[in-house]
Amino acid sequence: MNNVIEMGSNNNNTDSKLISEEDTIYTKILNDIAKGKLVSGDRLVTTALAKQYNTSINPVREALKQLQGEGFVTILPNSGSRVTKFEFHTMRDVFEILQLLEPYLIEWFIREHSAEQMTELKAILEEMHNLSPSAYIRYRELDADFHALMYSHHYNQRAFGLWQKNRLMLQAFHATLGFSSTRFEQSLLEHQEILNGIEKRDVTAVMRVLDKHIDNSGQYWSKHFR
C-alpha cells in the first residue's frame, strides 16, 4: 500500500542539529517550526509564546524579527506574526539551491572523510533503518543529520551555512508531509548507496546516487504539495 501516511509516531524531544544548540527563544520557536508544532500559516501571538516559553514579551518579539529576516516568519501591519506560508515557487527555489550545493559539499567529504566520521554516518543510518514510515518527522531529522555531518566539515563554511538555512526551510515545509512506504524504502536504499560509495571514496558513484536521491525527493514533495 503506497498511500501517504499523515500521522505517526513522531513524539520526539530531540532538537534539530541544523539549529544552534543555544537555549534561546529564537531556537525554541525555530525548532517548533521544524518539528511541525508550528505549521505554515499559524498565528504567532507574542503573549502566548512568552507564556509557553516562560519568558517576557521582548525576547519573543526579537526572536520573531530575526525569524522574519530568515524567511520563517511573516509580520504584517495590523495582522501580527504568522509562520510563513511556504508557496510552491518558494520551495522550488529552495530545492534548486540545495540541488546546486549538495554535490559541491559532498565531493570534498568523499575525498577527505575520516574513519570516525564514517562510524557516525553508519550509526545515523542504522537509526533510520530502525524507524517505520510513520515516524517521518524523526526520519527527516536523521536524514538532515546524515547530510549535515558530511557537509559541516567542508572548509567553505559560507556554503555550508547557506545549505543549512535552506535545508531547514525544506524541513519546516515537510514537517506535516507523511511518507509513502515506497518512498521510505527508496530513501533508505539511496542513503545506503551513498554511504557505500563514500566508504570506497568513489566520487562518480556517489554523485550518481546523490543526483537520483535529490531528483526522487523533488518529485515526491512536488507531487504532494497542495
C-alpha atoms as a PDB file:
ATOM      1  CA  MET A   1       0.000   0.000   0.000  1.00  0.00           C
ATOM      2  CA  ASN A   2       1.608   3.276  -1.098  1.00  0.00           C
ATOM      3  CA  ASN A   3      -0.674   5.886   0.428  1.00  0.00           C
ATOM      4  CA  VAL A   4       0.961   8.814   2.173  1.00  0.00           C
ATOM      5  CA  ILE A   5       0.925   8.290   5.926  1.00  0.00           C
ATOM      6  CA  GLU A   6      -0.267  11.509   7.529  1.00  0.00           C
ATOM      7  CA  MET A   7       0.051  10.600  11.209  1.00  0.00           C
ATOM      8  CA  GLY A   8       2.595   8.583  13.090  1.00  0.00           C
ATOM      9  CA  SER A   9       4.947   8.008  15.986  1.00  0.00           C
ATOM     10  CA  ASN A  10       6.689  11.353  15.973  1.00  0.00           C
ATOM     11  CA  ASN A  11       6.897  12.063  19.683  1.00  0.00           C
ATOM     12  CA  ASN A  12      10.496  13.183  19.675  1.00  0.00           C
ATOM     13  CA  ASN A  13      12.047  15.728  22.012  1.00  0.00           C
ATOM     14  CA  THR A  14      15.439  15.972  20.352  1.00  0.00           C
ATOM     15  CA  ASP A  15      16.258  19.252  18.650  1.00  0.00           C
ATOM     16  CA  SER A  16      17.333  19.544  15.042  1.00  0.00           C
ATOM     17  CA  LYS A  17      21.112  19.551  14.547  1.00  0.00           C
ATOM     18  CA  LEU A  18      20.527  22.132  11.830  1.00  0.00           C
ATOM     19  CA  ILE A  19      19.764  24.619  14.604  1.00  0.00           C
ATOM     20  CA  SER A  20      22.169  26.100  17.126  1.00  0.00           C
ATOM     21  CA  GLU A  21      22.227  24.297  20.481  1.00  0.00           C
ATOM     22  CA  GLU A  22      21.897  27.620  22.307  1.00  0.00           C
ATOM     23  CA  ASP A  23      18.877  27.697  24.636  1.00  0.00           C
ATOM     24  CA  THR A  24      17.210  30.834  23.279  1.00  0.00           C
ATOM     25  CA  ILE A  25      13.649  31.807  22.399  1.00  0.00           C
ATOM     26  CA  TYR A  26      14.757  32.016  18.774  1.00  0.00           C
ATOM     27  CA  THR A  27      15.970  28.397  18.725  1.00  0.00           C
ATOM     28  CA  LYS A  28      12.887  27.182  20.598  1.00  0.00           C
ATOM     29  CA  ILE A  29      10.486  28.740  18.083  1.00  0.00           C
ATOM     30  CA  LEU A  30      12.598  27.577  15.141  1.00  0.00           C
ATOM     31  CA  ASN A  31      12.688  24.016  16.484  1.00  0.00           C
ATOM     32  CA  ASP A  32       8.903  24.061  16.895  1.00  0.00           C
ATOM     33  CA  ILE A  33       8.552  25.176  13.253  1.00  0.00           C
ATOM     34  CA  ALA A  34      10.983  22.483  12.064  1.00  0.00           C
ATOM     35  CA  LYS A  35       9.090  19.795  14.024  1.00  0.00           C
ATOM     36  CA  GLY A  36       5.673  20.854  12.745  1.00  0.00           C
ATOM     37  CA  LYS A  37       4.431  22.018  16.149  1.00  0.00           C
ATOM     38  CA  LEU A  38       4.020  25.400  14.475  1.00  0.00           C
ATOM     39  CA  VAL A  39       2.984  24.998  10.854  1.00  0.00           C
ATOM     40  CA  SER A  40       2.716  27.185   7.783  1.00  0.00           C
ATOM     41  CA  GLY A  41       0.161  29.950   8.355  1.00  0.00           C
ATOM     42  CA  ASP A  42      -0.081  29.544  12.143  1.00  0.00           C
ATOM     43  CA  ARG A  43      -0.598  32.801  14.016  1.00  0.00           C
ATOM     44  CA  LEU A  44       2.209  33.640  16.447  1.00  0.00           C
ATOM     45  CA  VAL A  45       0.838  35.610  19.400  1.00  0.00           C
ATOM     46  CA  THR A  46       3.644  37.167  21.440  1.00  0.00           C
ATOM     47  CA  THR A  47       1.845  36.904  24.801  1.00  0.00           C
ATOM     48  CA  ALA A  48       1.000  33.240  24.246  1.00  0.00           C
ATOM     49  CA  LEU A  49       4.554  32.423  23.134  1.00  0.00           C
ATOM     50  CA  ALA A  50       6.012  34.283  26.115  1.00  0.00           C
ATOM     51  CA  LYS A  51       3.860  32.190  28.449  1.00  0.00           C
ATOM     52  CA  GLN A  52       4.702  28.964  26.603  1.00  0.00           C
ATOM     53  CA  TYR A  53       8.458  29.573  26.737  1.00  0.00           C
ATOM     54  CA  ASN A  54       8.364  31.109  30.238  1.00  0.00           C
ATOM     55  CA  THR A  55       9.821  34.453  29.226  1.00  0.00           C
ATOM     56  CA  SER A  56       8.826  38.082  28.729  1.00  0.00           C
ATOM     57  CA  ILE A  57       7.395  39.590  25.552  1.00  0.00           C
ATOM     58  CA  ASN A  58      10.545  41.409  24.379  1.00  0.00           C
ATOM     59  CA  PRO A  59      12.677  38.260  23.735  1.00  0.00           C
ATOM     60  CA  VAL A  60       9.751  36.801  21.763  1.00  0.00           C
ATOM     61  CA  ARG A  61       9.457  39.942  19.635  1.00  0.00           C
ATOM     62  CA  GLU A  62      13.217  39.933  18.984  1.00  0.00           C
ATOM     63  CA  ALA A  63      13.126  36.262  18.008  1.00  0.00           C
ATOM     64  CA  LEU A  64      10.200  36.814  15.630  1.00  0.00           C
ATOM     65  CA  LYS A  65      12.027  39.707  13.952  1.00  0.00           C
ATOM     66  CA  GLN A  66      15.085  37.500  13.450  1.00  0.00           C
ATOM     67  CA  LEU A  67      12.942  34.685  12.057  1.00  0.00           C
ATOM     68  CA  GLN A  68      11.238  37.178   9.746  1.00  0.00           C
ATOM     69  CA  GLY A  69      14.627  38.132   8.352  1.00  0.00           C
ATOM     70  CA  GLU A  70      15.408  34.484   7.681  1.00  0.00           C
ATOM     71  CA  GLY A  71      12.090  33.822   5.936  1.00  0.00           C
ATOM     72  CA  PHE A  72      10.450  31.584   8.559  1.00  0.00           C
ATOM     73  CA  VAL A  73       8.009  34.180   9.919  1.00  0.00           C
ATOM     74  CA  THR A  74       5.883  36.815   8.194  1.00  0.00           C
ATOM     75  CA  ILE A  75       4.974  40.019  10.070  1.00  0.00           C
ATOM     76  CA  LEU A  76       2.298  42.270   8.544  1.00  0.00           C
ATOM     77  CA  PRO A  77       0.852  45.546   9.857  1.00  0.00           C
ATOM     78  CA  ASN A  78      -2.451  45.024  11.688  1.00  0.00           C
ATOM     79  CA  SER A  79      -2.180  41.254  11.123  1.00  0.00           C
ATOM     80  CA  GLY A  80       0.557  40.266  13.544  1.00  0.00           C
ATOM     81  CA  SER A  81       3.034  37.440  13.049  1.00  0.00           C
ATOM     82  CA  ARG A  82       2.497  34.103  11.353  1.00  0.00           C
ATOM     83  CA  VAL A  83       4.619  31.144  10.331  1.00  0.00           C
ATOM     84  CA  THR A  84       5.448  31.831   6.702  1.00  0.00           C
ATOM     85  CA  LYS A  85       3.167  30.190   4.164  1.00  0.00           C
ATOM     86  CA  PHE A  86       5.579  28.202   2.037  1.00  0.00           C
ATOM     87  CA  GLU A  87       4.375  28.721  -1.520  1.00  0.00           C
ATOM     88  CA  PHE A  88       5.288  26.323  -4.327  1.00  0.00           C
ATOM     89  CA  HIS A  89       7.654  28.777  -6.025  1.00  0.00           C
ATOM     90  CA  THR A  90       9.488  29.412  -2.722  1.00  0.00           C
ATOM     91  CA  MET A  91      10.045  25.730  -2.104  1.00  0.00           C
ATOM     92  CA  ARG A  92      11.063  25.194  -5.731  1.00  0.00           C
ATOM     93  CA  ASP A  93      13.733  27.881  -5.313  1.00  0.00           C
ATOM     94  CA  VAL A  94      14.942  26.354  -2.035  1.00  0.00           C
ATOM     95  CA  PHE A  95      15.129  22.921  -3.578  1.00  0.00           C
ATOM     96  CA  GLU A  96      17.110  24.159  -6.571  1.00  0.00           C
ATOM     97  CA  ILE A  97      19.623  25.901  -4.260  1.00  0.00           C
ATOM     98  CA  LEU A  98      20.134  22.622  -2.384  1.00  0.00           C
ATOM     99  CA  GLN A  99      20.452  20.810  -5.698  1.00  0.00           C
ATOM    100  CA  LEU A 100      23.381  23.071  -6.613  1.00  0.00           C
ATOM    101  CA  LEU A 101      25.107  22.995  -3.220  1.00  0.00           C
ATOM    102  CA  GLU A 102      24.979  19.311  -2.268  1.00  0.00           C
ATOM    103  CA  PRO A 103      27.281  17.911  -4.990  1.00  0.00           C
ATOM    104  CA  TYR A 104      29.835  20.630  -4.212  1.00  0.00           C
ATOM    105  CA  LEU A 105      29.756  19.933  -0.462  1.00  0.00           C
ATOM    106  CA  ILE A 106      29.744  16.151  -0.648  1.00  0.00           C
ATOM    107  CA  GLU A 107      32.653  15.834  -3.080  1.00  0.00           C
ATOM    108  CA  TRP A 108      35.094  17.214  -0.517  1.00  0.00           C
ATOM    109  CA  PHE A 109      33.790  14.792   2.133  1.00  0.00           C
ATOM    110  CA  ILE A 110      34.146  11.780  -0.168  1.00  0.00           C
ATOM    111  CA  ARG A 111      37.847  12.516  -0.562  1.00  0.00           C
ATOM    112  CA  GLU A 112      38.651  13.777   2.947  1.00  0.00           C
ATOM    113  CA  HIS A 113      36.426  11.879   5.434  1.00  0.00           C
ATOM    114  CA  SER A 114      37.841  10.077   8.462  1.00  0.00           C
ATOM    115  CA  ALA A 115      37.080   6.639   9.892  1.00  0.00           C
ATOM    116  CA  GLU A 116      35.388   8.294  12.875  1.00  0.00           C
ATOM    117  CA  GLN A 117      33.067  10.246  10.600  1.00  0.00           C
ATOM    118  CA  MET A 118      32.144   7.066   8.734  1.00  0.00           C
ATOM    119  CA  THR A 119      31.278   5.425  12.056  1.00  0.00           C
ATOM    120  CA  GLU A 120      28.982   8.361  12.897  1.00  0.00           C
ATOM    121  CA  LEU A 121      27.285   8.154   9.493  1.00  0.00           C
ATOM    122  CA  LYS A 122      26.690   4.429   9.915  1.00  0.00           C
ATOM    123  CA  ALA A 123      25.142   4.997  13.347  1.00  0.00           C
ATOM    124  CA  ILE A 124      22.732   7.606  11.946  1.00  0.00           C
ATOM    125  CA  LEU A 125      21.749   5.324   9.071  1.00  0.00           C
ATOM    126  CA  GLU A 126      21.193   2.419  11.450  1.00  0.00           C
ATOM    127  CA  GLU A 127      18.774   4.531  13.472  1.00  0.00           C
ATOM    128  CA  MET A 128      16.982   5.496  10.250  1.00  0.00           C
ATOM    129  CA  HIS A 129      16.625   1.804   9.359  1.00  0.00           C
ATOM    130  CA  ASN A 130      15.059   1.140  12.762  1.00  0.00           C
ATOM    131  CA  LEU A 131      12.203   3.583  12.123  1.00  0.00           C
ATOM    132  CA  SER A 132       8.893   2.947  10.409  1.00  0.00           C
ATOM    133  CA  PRO A 133       7.388   5.229   7.732  1.00  0.00           C
ATOM    134  CA  SER A 134       5.002   6.632  10.352  1.00  0.00           C
ATOM    135  CA  ALA A 135       7.931   8.228  12.233  1.00  0.00           C
ATOM    136  CA  TYR A 136       8.513  10.619   9.357  1.00  0.00           C
ATOM    137  CA  ILE A 137       9.445  13.654  11.457  1.00  0.00           C
ATOM    138  CA  ARG A 138      12.231  11.776  13.234  1.00  0.00           C
ATOM    139  CA  TYR A 139      13.318  10.207   9.953  1.00  0.00           C
ATOM    140  CA  ARG A 140      13.698  13.604   8.310  1.00  0.00           C
ATOM    141  CA  GLU A 141      15.669  14.907  11.289  1.00  0.00           C
ATOM    142  CA  LEU A 142      18.068  11.979  10.951  1.00  0.00           C
ATOM    143  CA  ASP A 143      18.182  12.478   7.186  1.00  0.00           C
ATOM    144  CA  ALA A 144      19.225  16.096   7.767  1.00  0.00           C
ATOM    145  CA  ASP A 145      21.780  14.965  10.383  1.00  0.00           C
ATOM    146  CA  PHE A 146      23.226  12.464   7.890  1.00  0.00           C
ATOM    147  CA  HIS A 147      23.848  15.162   5.301  1.00  0.00           C
ATOM    148  CA  ALA A 148      24.892  17.824   7.843  1.00  0.00           C
ATOM    149  CA  LEU A 149      27.575  15.529   9.232  1.00  0.00           C
ATOM    150  CA  MET A 150      29.150  15.341   5.787  1.00  0.00           C
ATOM    151  CA  TYR A 151      28.760  18.956   4.796  1.00  0.00           C
ATOM    152  CA  SER A 152      29.628  20.627   8.120  1.00  0.00           C
ATOM    153  CA  HIS A 153      33.281  19.616   7.786  1.00  0.00           C
ATOM    154  CA  HIS A 154      33.700  21.446   4.477  1.00  0.00           C
ATOM    155  CA  TYR A 155      36.283  24.244   4.510  1.00  0.00           C
ATOM    156  CA  ASN A 156      33.751  26.615   2.894  1.00  0.00           C
ATOM    157  CA  GLN A 157      31.546  27.381   5.885  1.00  0.00           C
ATOM    158  CA  ARG A 158      29.623  30.061   3.981  1.00  0.00           C
ATOM    159  CA  ALA A 159      28.424  27.412   1.549  1.00  0.00           C
ATOM    160  CA  PHE A 160      27.550  25.106   4.432  1.00  0.00           C
ATOM    161  CA  GLY A 161      25.644  27.918   6.165  1.00  0.00           C
ATOM    162  CA  LEU A 162      23.612  28.553   3.018  1.00  0.00           C
ATOM    163  CA  TRP A 163      22.840  24.827   2.733  1.00  0.00           C
ATOM    164  CA  GLN A 164      21.922  24.709   6.424  1.00  0.00           C
ATOM    165  CA  LYS A 165      19.420  27.567   6.165  1.00  0.00           C
ATOM    166  CA  ASN A 166      17.727  26.213   3.041  1.00  0.00           C
ATOM    167  CA  ARG A 167      17.654  22.628   4.308  1.00  0.00           C
ATOM    168  CA  LEU A 168      15.966  23.806   7.495  1.00  0.00           C
ATOM    169  CA  MET A 169      13.358  25.653   5.449  1.00  0.00           C
ATOM    170  CA  LEU A 170      12.732  22.496   3.431  1.00  0.00           C
ATOM    171  CA  GLN A 171      12.411  20.511   6.657  1.00  0.00           C
ATOM    172  CA  ALA A 172       9.882  23.009   8.005  1.00  0.00           C
ATOM    173  CA  PHE A 173       7.879  22.678   4.791  1.00  0.00           C
ATOM    174  CA  HIS A 174       7.997  18.880   5.060  1.00  0.00           C
ATOM    175  CA  ALA A 175       7.005  18.829   8.735  1.00  0.00           C
ATOM    176  CA  THR A 176       3.436  17.627   8.191  1.00  0.00           C
ATOM    177  CA  LEU A 177       4.025  15.703   4.947  1.00  0.00           C
ATOM    178  CA  GLY A 178       3.839  11.969   5.538  1.00  0.00           C
ATOM    179  CA  PHE A 179       5.844   9.234   3.859  1.00  0.00           C
ATOM    180  CA  SER A 180       4.601   6.586   1.485  1.00  0.00           C
ATOM    181  CA  SER A 181       6.091   3.180   2.252  1.00  0.00           C
ATOM    182  CA  THR A 182       7.579   3.143  -1.263  1.00  0.00           C
ATOM    183  CA  ARG A 183       9.386   6.476  -0.833  1.00  0.00           C
ATOM    184  CA  PHE A 184      10.549   5.457   2.650  1.00  0.00           C
ATOM    185  CA  GLU A 185      12.225   2.278   1.361  1.00  0.00           C
ATOM    186  CA  GLN A 186      13.590   4.112  -1.665  1.00  0.00           C
ATOM    187  CA  SER A 187      15.141   6.805   0.537  1.00  0.00           C
ATOM    188  CA  LEU A 188      16.779   4.247   2.835  1.00  0.00           C
ATOM    189  CA  LEU A 189      18.319   2.491  -0.154  1.00  0.00           C
ATOM    190  CA  GLU A 190      19.622   5.779  -1.557  1.00  0.00           C
ATOM    191  CA  HIS A 191      21.298   6.651   1.749  1.00  0.00           C
ATOM    192  CA  GLN A 192      22.853   3.197   1.953  1.00  0.00           C
ATOM    193  CA  GLU A 193      24.215   3.530  -1.582  1.00  0.00           C
ATOM    194  CA  ILE A 194      25.638   6.977  -0.763  1.00  0.00           C
ATOM    195  CA  LEU A 195      27.329   5.534   2.315  1.00  0.00           C
ATOM    196  CA  ASN A 196      28.760   2.608   0.344  1.00  0.00           C
ATOM    197  CA  GLY A 197      30.196   4.941  -2.290  1.00  0.00           C
ATOM    198  CA  ILE A 198      31.724   7.261   0.296  1.00  0.00           C
ATOM    199  CA  GLU A 199      33.376   4.340   2.049  1.00  0.00           C
ATOM    200  CA  LYS A 200      35.023   3.393  -1.270  1.00  0.00           C
ATOM    201  CA  ARG A 201      35.842   7.074  -1.975  1.00  0.00           C
ATOM    202  CA  ASP A 202      34.076   6.627  -5.303  1.00  0.00           C
ATOM    203  CA  VAL A 203      33.140  10.160  -6.340  1.00  0.00           C
ATOM    204  CA  THR A 204      31.399   9.120  -9.563  1.00  0.00           C
ATOM    205  CA  ALA A 205      29.188   6.542  -7.846  1.00  0.00           C
ATOM    206  CA  VAL A 206      28.187   8.888  -5.023  1.00  0.00           C
ATOM    207  CA  MET A 207      27.372  11.728  -7.410  1.00  0.00           C
ATOM    208  CA  ARG A 208      25.173   9.411  -9.457  1.00  0.00           C
ATOM    209  CA  VAL A 209      23.230   8.258  -6.384  1.00  0.00           C
ATOM    210  CA  LEU A 210      23.011  11.771  -4.928  1.00  0.00           C
ATOM    211  CA  ASP A 211      21.544  13.052  -8.188  1.00  0.00           C
ATOM    212  CA  LYS A 212      18.944  10.266  -8.072  1.00  0.00           C
ATOM    213  CA  HIS A 213      18.239  10.949  -4.394  1.00  0.00           C
ATOM    214  CA  ILE A 214      17.651  14.668  -4.987  1.00  0.00           C
ATOM    215  CA  ASP A 215      15.504  14.008  -8.068  1.00  0.00           C
ATOM    216  CA  ASN A 216      13.311  11.441  -6.278  1.00  0.00           C
ATOM    217  CA  SER A 217      12.888  13.749  -3.271  1.00  0.00           C
ATOM    218  CA  GLY A 218      11.913  16.646  -5.534  1.00  0.00           C
ATOM    219  CA  GLN A 219       9.362  14.583  -7.408  1.00  0.00           C
ATOM    220  CA  TYR A 220       7.833  13.393  -4.151  1.00  0.00           C
ATOM    221  CA  TRP A 221       7.359  16.782  -2.487  1.00  0.00           C
ATOM    222  CA  SER A 222       6.132  18.456  -5.695  1.00  0.00           C
ATOM    223  CA  LYS A 223       3.594  15.663  -6.205  1.00  0.00           C
ATOM    224  CA  HIS A 224       2.188  16.021  -2.696  1.00  0.00           C
ATOM    225  CA  PHE A 225       2.430  19.811  -2.367  1.00  0.00           C
ATOM    226  CA  ARG A 226      -1.039  21.268  -2.446  1.00  0.00           C
END
